[in-house]
């Protein structure tokens, strides 16, 4: 695998991933797979290094979707808290009730 480097300003190279420019397409695939396995290890998948590549990619995608959902929930709670403080209404209580009911 070639050593990744930071791309030049205005580079049109399609082999850029996560801010690094790779010399070969296979290097991008290996980098992505390593990123996926690293995420899975962080999330508690202790055997992630032994997962088949397709399984590791799917599991990492599930982890990312779950994490993004948590961020969306947090953002809506922060927004509702701010709206409650500004307007003095019951927006936060309403949002918490919706989250508890699973709607």
N, C-alpha and C. Protein backbone atom coordinates (compact mmCIF):
# COMPACT_ATOMS: atom_id res chain seq x y z
N UNK A 1 0.85 -1.18 0.00
CA UNK A 1 0.00 0.00 0.00
C UNK A 1 0.88 1.22 0.00
N UNK A 2 0.62 2.13 -0.93
CA UNK A 2 1.39 3.37 -0.98
C UNK A 2 1.10 4.25 0.22
N UNK A 3 2.01 5.08 0.52
CA UNK A 3 1.85 5.96 1.68
C UNK A 3 0.91 7.11 1.33
N UNK A 4 -0.16 7.30 2.10
CA UNK A 4 -1.08 8.41 1.80
C UNK A 4 -0.41 9.74 2.10
N UNK A 5 -0.81 10.75 1.34
CA UNK A 5 -0.27 12.09 1.58
C UNK A 5 -1.40 13.08 1.49
N UNK A 6 -1.19 14.25 2.06
CA UNK A 6 -2.18 15.31 1.98
C UNK A 6 -2.25 15.80 0.54
N UNK A 7 -3.46 15.99 -0.02
CA UNK A 7 -3.57 16.41 -1.41
C UNK A 7 -3.18 17.87 -1.60
N UNK A 8 -2.74 18.19 -2.83
CA UNK A 8 -2.45 19.57 -3.18
C UNK A 8 -3.75 20.34 -3.28
N UNK A 9 -3.67 21.65 -3.09
CA UNK A 9 -4.87 22.49 -3.19
C UNK A 9 -5.42 22.39 -4.61
N UNK A 10 -6.70 22.16 -4.74
CA UNK A 10 -7.35 22.08 -6.04
C UNK A 10 -7.13 20.76 -6.76
N UNK A 11 -6.68 19.74 -6.07
CA UNK A 11 -6.44 18.43 -6.68
C UNK A 11 -7.75 17.82 -7.15
N UNK A 12 -7.74 17.23 -8.35
CA UNK A 12 -8.92 16.58 -8.91
C UNK A 12 -8.82 15.06 -8.82
N UNK A 13 -7.91 14.56 -8.03
CA UNK A 13 -7.70 13.13 -7.93
C UNK A 13 -8.91 12.47 -7.27
N UNK A 14 -9.55 11.48 -7.92
CA UNK A 14 -10.70 10.81 -7.31
C UNK A 14 -10.32 9.87 -6.17
N UNK A 15 -9.03 9.63 -5.99
CA UNK A 15 -8.60 8.71 -4.95
C UNK A 15 -8.27 9.46 -3.65
N UNK A 16 -9.16 10.34 -3.27
CA UNK A 16 -9.00 11.08 -2.02
C UNK A 16 -10.06 10.61 -1.06
N UNK A 17 -9.64 10.22 0.12
CA UNK A 17 -10.57 9.75 1.15
C UNK A 17 -10.07 10.22 2.50
N UNK A 18 -10.95 10.81 3.29
CA UNK A 18 -10.64 11.27 4.65
C UNK A 18 -9.46 12.24 4.64
N UNK A 19 -9.37 13.05 3.61
CA UNK A 19 -8.33 14.07 3.57
C UNK A 19 -6.98 13.58 3.11
N UNK A 20 -6.87 12.35 2.64
CA UNK A 20 -5.60 11.80 2.15
C UNK A 20 -5.75 11.39 0.69
N UNK A 21 -4.67 11.57 -0.07
CA UNK A 21 -4.65 11.18 -1.47
C UNK A 21 -3.89 9.86 -1.59
N UNK A 22 -4.51 8.89 -2.24
CA UNK A 22 -3.92 7.56 -2.37
C UNK A 22 -3.48 7.31 -3.81
N UNK A 23 -2.37 6.59 -3.99
CA UNK A 23 -1.90 6.33 -5.36
C UNK A 23 -2.72 5.30 -6.12
N UNK A 24 -3.42 4.39 -5.44
CA UNK A 24 -4.16 3.32 -6.11
C UNK A 24 -5.54 3.17 -5.46
N UNK A 25 -6.50 2.73 -6.27
CA UNK A 25 -7.86 2.54 -5.77
C UNK A 25 -7.91 1.48 -4.68
N UNK A 26 -7.08 0.45 -4.79
CA UNK A 26 -7.06 -0.60 -3.77
C UNK A 26 -6.65 -0.04 -2.42
N UNK A 27 -5.79 0.97 -2.43
CA UNK A 27 -5.36 1.59 -1.17
C UNK A 27 -6.53 2.26 -0.46
N UNK A 28 -7.43 2.87 -1.24
CA UNK A 28 -8.61 3.51 -0.65
C UNK A 28 -9.49 2.46 0.01
N UNK A 29 -9.69 1.33 -0.67
CA UNK A 29 -10.52 0.26 -0.12
C UNK A 29 -9.93 -0.29 1.17
N UNK A 30 -8.62 -0.47 1.20
CA UNK A 30 -7.97 -0.97 2.41
C UNK A 30 -8.09 0.05 3.54
N UNK A 31 -7.93 1.32 3.22
CA UNK A 31 -8.04 2.37 4.24
C UNK A 31 -9.45 2.40 4.82
N UNK A 32 -10.45 2.30 3.95
CA UNK A 32 -11.85 2.30 4.42
C UNK A 32 -12.12 1.09 5.30
N UNK A 33 -11.62 -0.08 4.90
CA UNK A 33 -11.84 -1.28 5.69
C UNK A 33 -11.16 -1.16 7.05
N UNK A 34 -9.96 -0.60 7.07
CA UNK A 34 -9.26 -0.39 8.35
C UNK A 34 -10.05 0.58 9.24
N UNK A 35 -10.62 1.61 8.62
CA UNK A 35 -11.44 2.56 9.38
C UNK A 35 -12.67 1.87 9.97
N UNK A 36 -13.30 1.01 9.17
CA UNK A 36 -14.48 0.28 9.64
C UNK A 36 -14.13 -0.65 10.80
N UNK A 37 -13.04 -1.38 10.66
CA UNK A 37 -12.63 -2.30 11.73
C UNK A 37 -12.28 -1.52 12.99
N UNK A 38 -11.63 -0.38 12.84
CA UNK A 38 -11.30 0.46 14.00
C UNK A 38 -12.56 0.92 14.72
N UNK A 39 -13.57 1.33 13.95
CA UNK A 39 -14.84 1.75 14.54
C UNK A 39 -15.49 0.60 15.31
N UNK A 40 -15.49 -0.58 14.70
CA UNK A 40 -16.10 -1.73 15.35
C UNK A 40 -15.37 -2.11 16.63
N UNK A 41 -14.05 -2.04 16.61
CA UNK A 41 -13.29 -2.32 17.83
C UNK A 41 -13.64 -1.32 18.92
N UNK A 42 -13.79 -0.05 18.53
CA UNK A 42 -14.17 0.99 19.50
C UNK A 42 -15.54 0.72 20.10
N UNK A 43 -16.44 0.17 19.29
CA UNK A 43 -17.82 -0.09 19.75
C UNK A 43 -17.97 -1.42 20.47
N UNK A 44 -16.86 -2.16 20.66
CA UNK A 44 -16.93 -3.37 21.47
C UNK A 44 -16.94 -4.68 20.69
N UNK A 45 -16.75 -4.62 19.38
CA UNK A 45 -16.67 -5.84 18.58
C UNK A 45 -15.23 -6.38 18.68
N UNK A 46 -14.98 -7.18 19.67
CA UNK A 46 -13.61 -7.63 19.94
C UNK A 46 -13.06 -8.52 18.84
N UNK A 47 -13.90 -9.16 18.06
CA UNK A 47 -13.45 -10.05 17.00
C UNK A 47 -13.50 -9.38 15.62
N UNK A 48 -13.60 -8.06 15.58
CA UNK A 48 -13.78 -7.35 14.31
C UNK A 48 -12.64 -7.60 13.33
N UNK A 49 -11.45 -7.86 13.82
CA UNK A 49 -10.31 -8.11 12.93
C UNK A 49 -10.48 -9.41 12.15
N UNK A 50 -11.31 -10.30 12.64
CA UNK A 50 -11.53 -11.59 11.98
C UNK A 50 -12.82 -11.63 11.16
N UNK A 51 -13.56 -10.53 11.12
CA UNK A 51 -14.79 -10.48 10.33
C UNK A 51 -14.44 -10.48 8.85
N UNK A 52 -15.28 -11.13 8.02
CA UNK A 52 -15.12 -10.96 6.57
C UNK A 52 -15.32 -9.49 6.21
N UNK A 53 -14.68 -9.04 5.14
CA UNK A 53 -14.71 -7.61 4.78
C UNK A 53 -16.13 -7.09 4.60
N UNK A 54 -16.99 -7.84 3.92
CA UNK A 54 -18.36 -7.37 3.68
C UNK A 54 -19.13 -7.25 4.99
N UNK A 55 -18.93 -8.17 5.91
CA UNK A 55 -19.62 -8.13 7.20
C UNK A 55 -19.13 -6.94 8.02
N UNK A 56 -17.82 -6.69 8.00
CA UNK A 56 -17.27 -5.55 8.74
C UNK A 56 -17.83 -4.23 8.20
N UNK A 57 -17.94 -4.12 6.88
CA UNK A 57 -18.48 -2.89 6.29
C UNK A 57 -19.94 -2.69 6.68
N UNK A 58 -20.73 -3.76 6.65
CA UNK A 58 -22.15 -3.65 7.01
C UNK A 58 -22.32 -3.30 8.49
N UNK A 59 -21.56 -3.95 9.35
CA UNK A 59 -21.65 -3.66 10.78
C UNK A 59 -21.22 -2.22 11.09
N UNK A 60 -20.17 -1.75 10.42
CA UNK A 60 -19.71 -0.37 10.62
C UNK A 60 -20.78 0.61 10.16
N UNK A 61 -21.47 0.29 9.06
CA UNK A 61 -22.54 1.15 8.57
C UNK A 61 -23.68 1.22 9.59
N UNK A 62 -24.02 0.09 10.19
CA UNK A 62 -25.05 0.07 11.23
C UNK A 62 -24.62 0.92 12.42
N UNK A 63 -23.37 0.80 12.83
CA UNK A 63 -22.85 1.60 13.96
C UNK A 63 -22.93 3.09 13.65
N UNK A 64 -22.56 3.46 12.42
CA UNK A 64 -22.60 4.88 12.04
C UNK A 64 -24.03 5.41 12.03
N UNK A 65 -24.97 4.61 11.52
CA UNK A 65 -26.38 5.04 11.49
C UNK A 65 -26.91 5.21 12.91
N UNK A 66 -26.57 4.30 13.80
CA UNK A 66 -27.01 4.40 15.18
C UNK A 66 -26.42 5.64 15.85
N UNK A 67 -25.15 5.88 15.60
CA UNK A 67 -24.48 7.05 16.18
C UNK A 67 -25.08 8.35 15.64
N UNK A 68 -25.36 8.39 14.34
CA UNK A 68 -25.98 9.58 13.75
C UNK A 68 -27.37 9.82 14.33
N UNK A 69 -28.11 8.75 14.59
CA UNK A 69 -29.42 8.89 15.23
C UNK A 69 -29.31 9.47 16.63
N UNK A 70 -28.28 9.06 17.35
CA UNK A 70 -28.07 9.62 18.69
C UNK A 70 -27.75 11.11 18.61
N UNK A 71 -26.95 11.49 17.61
CA UNK A 71 -26.64 12.92 17.44
C UNK A 71 -27.88 13.72 17.07
N UNK A 72 -28.75 13.16 16.24
CA UNK A 72 -29.99 13.84 15.88
C UNK A 72 -30.87 14.03 17.11
N UNK A 73 -30.96 13.00 17.94
CA UNK A 73 -31.76 13.10 19.16
C UNK A 73 -31.20 14.17 20.08
N UNK A 74 -29.89 14.18 20.25
CA UNK A 74 -29.25 15.18 21.10
C UNK A 74 -29.50 16.58 20.56
N UNK A 75 -29.39 16.75 19.24
CA UNK A 75 -29.61 18.07 18.64
C UNK A 75 -31.05 18.54 18.86
N UNK A 76 -32.02 17.63 18.73
CA UNK A 76 -33.41 18.04 18.94
C UNK A 76 -33.67 18.38 20.41
N UNK A 77 -33.01 17.68 21.33
CA UNK A 77 -33.17 18.02 22.75
C UNK A 77 -32.56 19.37 23.08
N UNK A 78 -31.39 19.66 22.53
CA UNK A 78 -30.75 20.96 22.77
C UNK A 78 -31.61 22.07 22.18
N UNK A 79 -32.15 21.84 20.98
CA UNK A 79 -33.03 22.83 20.36
C UNK A 79 -34.28 23.05 21.20
N UNK A 80 -34.89 21.95 21.68
CA UNK A 80 -36.11 22.07 22.48
C UNK A 80 -35.82 22.79 23.80
N UNK A 81 -34.66 22.51 24.39
CA UNK A 81 -34.30 23.19 25.64
C UNK A 81 -34.13 24.68 25.40
N UNK A 82 -33.46 25.03 24.30
CA UNK A 82 -33.29 26.45 23.97
C UNK A 82 -34.61 27.13 23.69
N UNK A 83 -35.51 26.45 22.97
CA UNK A 83 -36.83 27.03 22.67
C UNK A 83 -37.64 27.20 23.95
N UNK A 84 -37.52 26.26 24.87
CA UNK A 84 -38.25 26.36 26.14
C UNK A 84 -37.74 27.55 26.95
N UNK A 85 -36.42 27.73 26.96
CA UNK A 85 -35.85 28.85 27.71
C UNK A 85 -36.27 30.17 27.10
N UNK A 86 -36.21 30.26 25.77
CA UNK A 86 -36.54 31.52 25.08
C UNK A 86 -38.03 31.85 25.14
N UNK A 87 -38.87 30.85 24.90
CA UNK A 87 -40.30 31.12 24.80
C UNK A 87 -41.04 30.87 26.11
N UNK A 88 -40.42 30.13 27.02
CA UNK A 88 -41.08 29.85 28.28
C UNK A 88 -42.20 28.84 28.16
N UNK A 89 -42.26 28.11 27.06
CA UNK A 89 -43.32 27.13 26.85
C UNK A 89 -42.95 25.76 27.38
N UNK A 90 -43.64 24.78 26.85
CA UNK A 90 -43.41 23.40 27.29
C UNK A 90 -42.83 22.54 26.17
N UNK A 91 -42.02 23.16 25.30
CA UNK A 91 -41.45 22.44 24.16
C UNK A 91 -40.57 21.29 24.61
N UNK A 92 -39.74 21.50 25.62
CA UNK A 92 -38.84 20.45 26.09
C UNK A 92 -39.63 19.28 26.67
N UNK A 93 -40.62 19.56 27.48
CA UNK A 93 -41.43 18.49 28.07
C UNK A 93 -42.14 17.69 26.98
N UNK A 94 -42.62 18.40 25.96
CA UNK A 94 -43.30 17.73 24.85
C UNK A 94 -42.35 16.82 24.08
N UNK A 95 -41.14 17.31 23.82
CA UNK A 95 -40.14 16.51 23.10
C UNK A 95 -39.73 15.30 23.91
N UNK A 96 -39.53 15.47 25.21
CA UNK A 96 -39.16 14.34 26.07
C UNK A 96 -40.26 13.29 26.12
N UNK A 97 -41.51 13.76 26.14
CA UNK A 97 -42.64 12.84 26.14
C UNK A 97 -42.70 12.04 24.83
N UNK A 98 -42.42 12.71 23.69
CA UNK A 98 -42.39 12.03 22.39
C UNK A 98 -41.28 10.99 22.35
N UNK A 99 -40.12 11.32 22.90
CA UNK A 99 -39.00 10.37 22.92
C UNK A 99 -39.31 9.16 23.81
N UNK A 100 -39.96 9.39 24.92
CA UNK A 100 -40.32 8.30 25.81
C UNK A 100 -41.33 7.35 25.17
N UNK A 101 -42.26 7.91 24.39
CA UNK A 101 -43.28 7.07 23.77
C UNK A 101 -42.78 6.37 22.52
N UNK A 102 -41.62 6.79 22.01
CA UNK A 102 -41.03 6.15 20.85
C UNK A 102 -41.57 6.62 19.53
N UNK A 103 -42.20 7.75 19.48
CA UNK A 103 -42.77 8.28 18.23
C UNK A 103 -41.75 9.06 17.45
